[in-house]
């Protein structure tokens, strides 16, 4: 996800990430603000105890929200590795009508999933392979989207040129 510049969750899905998006966005903004203040040295003006509390808060927010910093709008799709473990994420995506791409093992029911990838979601090699495959597919999709946008601009420029010639 970092390689693709996409938001991600590695530890535990925070309830309300999709259904209470504005609150999560506010908390992520607070996290970013604290990081900026820490980097600029603005927190040095506080006592050691207050600085320690700020550092603890930053670490707690980092564990929860570090991967969501790039999430500025509601996602158009989500990718889940283990739908049993991430049942909250699946329920929220369904509630918000967000398509779900998920790796489904034989121990889960894939009815709720929009795009099923049948594979082992427990084995490390399988997880690595699936994540690499999805990342490569995403990058390829980004390239295609970029090419489509360039073609659209060229076509629009040709239309403008033809109108100017008339």
Protein backbone atom coordinates (compact mmCIF):
# COMPACT_ATOMS: atom_id res chain seq x y z
CA UNK A 1 0.00 0.00 0.00
CA UNK A 2 2.85 2.37 0.80
CA UNK A 3 4.46 1.54 -2.54
CA UNK A 4 1.20 2.43 -4.29
CA UNK A 5 0.57 5.51 -2.14
CA UNK A 6 -2.65 4.04 -0.82
CA UNK A 7 -4.10 4.04 2.70
CA UNK A 8 -3.82 0.85 4.74
CA UNK A 9 -4.56 -0.73 8.12
CA UNK A 10 -2.11 -3.29 9.48
CA UNK A 11 -3.05 -3.86 13.10
CA UNK A 12 -6.76 -3.62 13.74
CA UNK A 13 -9.60 -1.99 11.86
CA UNK A 14 -10.88 1.01 13.78
CA UNK A 15 -14.64 0.86 14.01
CA UNK A 16 -16.22 3.76 12.16
CA UNK A 17 -13.39 4.24 9.68
CA UNK A 18 -15.93 4.21 6.85
CA UNK A 19 -19.26 4.74 8.62
CA UNK A 20 -17.99 7.62 10.78
CA UNK A 21 -15.50 8.94 8.24
CA UNK A 22 -15.53 12.61 9.29
CA UNK A 23 -14.55 11.81 12.88
CA UNK A 24 -11.73 9.52 11.74
CA UNK A 25 -10.55 12.21 9.33
CA UNK A 26 -10.48 14.70 12.23
CA UNK A 27 -8.41 12.30 14.37
CA UNK A 28 -5.99 11.72 11.49
CA UNK A 29 -5.70 15.50 11.10
CA UNK A 30 -4.89 15.79 14.81
CA UNK A 31 -2.22 13.10 14.41
CA UNK A 32 -0.66 14.94 11.43
CA UNK A 33 -0.77 18.23 13.36
CA UNK A 34 1.02 16.68 16.36
CA UNK A 35 3.66 15.17 14.06
CA UNK A 36 4.28 18.56 12.44
CA UNK A 37 4.58 20.21 15.84
CA UNK A 38 6.99 17.50 17.00
CA UNK A 39 9.15 17.84 13.89
CA UNK A 40 9.26 21.65 14.08
CA UNK A 41 10.21 21.55 17.77
CA UNK A 42 7.05 23.34 18.82
CA UNK A 43 6.44 20.77 21.58
CA UNK A 44 9.78 21.58 23.24
CA UNK A 45 8.25 24.60 24.98
CA UNK A 46 6.23 22.27 27.23
CA UNK A 47 7.44 20.61 30.41
CA UNK A 48 9.11 17.19 30.24
CA UNK A 49 5.96 15.55 31.58
CA UNK A 50 3.76 17.24 28.96
CA UNK A 51 6.25 16.32 26.22
CA UNK A 52 6.16 12.72 27.43
CA UNK A 53 2.35 12.75 27.28
CA UNK A 54 2.47 14.20 23.76
CA UNK A 55 4.94 11.47 22.72
CA UNK A 56 2.67 8.76 24.18
CA UNK A 57 -0.32 10.24 22.35
CA UNK A 58 1.63 10.42 19.09
CA UNK A 59 2.67 6.76 19.40
CA UNK A 60 -0.91 5.67 20.16
CA UNK A 61 -2.20 7.65 17.18
CA UNK A 62 0.61 6.28 15.01
CA UNK A 63 -0.45 2.69 15.72
CA UNK A 64 -4.06 3.51 14.90
CA UNK A 65 -3.86 6.03 12.07
CA UNK A 66 -0.42 5.98 10.41
CA UNK A 67 -1.70 4.08 7.38
CA UNK A 68 -4.77 6.30 7.04
CA UNK A 69 -2.87 9.56 6.57
CA UNK A 70 -3.36 9.37 2.79
CA UNK A 71 -7.10 8.65 3.16
CA UNK A 72 -8.60 12.02 2.25
CA UNK A 73 -11.87 10.81 0.76
CA UNK A 74 -14.05 7.74 0.95
CA UNK A 75 -12.33 4.84 -0.84
CA UNK A 76 -13.80 3.52 -4.08
CA UNK A 77 -12.89 -0.07 -3.06
CA UNK A 78 -11.17 -1.93 -0.22
CA UNK A 79 -8.93 -4.98 -0.22
CA UNK A 80 -9.10 -7.40 2.71
CA UNK A 81 -6.75 -10.28 3.42
CA UNK A 82 -8.83 -12.07 6.07
CA UNK A 83 -12.57 -11.38 6.14
CA UNK A 84 -13.07 -13.31 9.37
CA UNK A 85 -10.58 -11.14 11.21
CA UNK A 86 -11.72 -7.95 9.50
CA UNK A 87 -15.47 -8.50 9.72
CA UNK A 88 -15.98 -4.91 10.92
CA UNK A 89 -14.29 -3.53 7.82
CA UNK A 90 -16.44 -5.78 5.63
CA UNK A 91 -19.65 -4.70 7.39
CA UNK A 92 -18.75 -1.01 7.10
CA UNK A 93 -17.89 -1.34 3.40
CA UNK A 94 -21.20 -3.09 2.75
CA UNK A 95 -23.07 -0.39 4.67
CA UNK A 96 -21.40 2.29 2.53
CA UNK A 97 -21.79 0.30 -0.74
CA UNK A 98 -18.02 0.16 -1.25
CA UNK A 99 -16.86 -2.81 -3.37
CA UNK A 100 -14.78 -5.35 -1.49
CA UNK A 101 -11.89 -7.33 -2.97
CA UNK A 102 -10.88 -10.10 -0.60
CA UNK A 103 -8.77 -13.20 -0.30
CA UNK A 104 -11.15 -15.96 0.73
CA UNK A 105 -9.98 -19.19 2.30
CA UNK A 106 -12.15 -22.32 2.55
CA UNK A 107 -13.18 -21.35 6.08
CA UNK A 108 -15.24 -18.28 5.03
CA UNK A 109 -18.42 -17.61 3.10
CA UNK A 110 -17.61 -15.40 0.08
CA UNK A 111 -21.25 -14.27 -0.52
CA UNK A 112 -20.62 -10.76 0.82
CA UNK A 113 -17.49 -10.21 -1.28
CA UNK A 114 -17.71 -8.44 -4.64
CA UNK A 115 -14.42 -9.73 -6.02
CA UNK A 116 -13.18 -12.99 -4.53
CA UNK A 117 -9.56 -14.15 -4.70
CA UNK A 118 -9.56 -17.81 -3.67
CA UNK A 119 -6.35 -18.43 -1.74
CA UNK A 120 -4.91 -19.30 1.63
CA UNK A 121 -5.11 -16.22 3.86
CA UNK A 122 -2.93 -17.70 6.63
CA UNK A 123 0.32 -18.78 4.93
CA UNK A 124 2.98 -16.07 4.78
CA UNK A 125 4.03 -16.90 1.21
CA UNK A 126 0.42 -16.85 0.05
CA UNK A 127 -0.21 -13.48 1.72
CA UNK A 128 2.98 -12.03 0.19
CA UNK A 129 2.02 -13.32 -3.26
CA UNK A 130 -1.54 -11.94 -3.05
CA UNK A 131 -0.45 -8.54 -1.77
CA UNK A 132 2.23 -8.24 -4.46
CA UNK A 133 -0.30 -9.28 -7.12
CA UNK A 134 -2.87 -6.71 -5.97
CA UNK A 135 -0.22 -3.98 -5.75
CA UNK A 136 1.03 -4.72 -9.27
CA UNK A 137 -2.55 -4.79 -10.58
CA UNK A 138 -3.24 -1.45 -8.90
CA UNK A 139 -0.13 0.13 -10.42
CA UNK A 140 -1.08 -1.20 -13.85
CA UNK A 141 -4.56 0.26 -13.39
CA UNK A 142 -3.07 3.62 -12.44
CA UNK A 143 -0.95 3.60 -15.61
CA UNK A 144 -4.00 2.77 -17.74
CA UNK A 145 -6.01 5.51 -16.04
CA UNK A 146 -3.19 7.99 -16.71
CA UNK A 147 -3.09 6.95 -20.37
CA UNK A 148 -6.89 7.35 -20.65
CA UNK A 149 -6.71 10.82 -19.12
CA UNK A 150 -3.95 11.83 -21.57
CA UNK A 151 -6.01 10.54 -24.51
CA UNK A 152 -9.04 12.44 -23.26
CA UNK A 153 -7.01 15.68 -23.00
CA UNK A 154 -5.65 15.20 -26.53
CA UNK A 155 -9.15 14.60 -27.88
CA UNK A 156 -10.47 17.68 -26.07
CA UNK A 157 -7.61 19.78 -27.48
CA UNK A 158 -8.42 18.55 -31.02
CA UNK A 159 -12.07 19.49 -30.55
CA UNK A 160 -11.07 22.98 -29.38
CA UNK A 161 -8.67 23.35 -32.33
CA UNK A 162 -11.41 22.34 -34.81
CA UNK A 163 -13.82 24.84 -33.26
CA UNK A 164 -11.19 27.58 -33.49
CA UNK A 165 -10.60 26.76 -37.16
CA UNK A 166 -14.31 27.20 -37.90
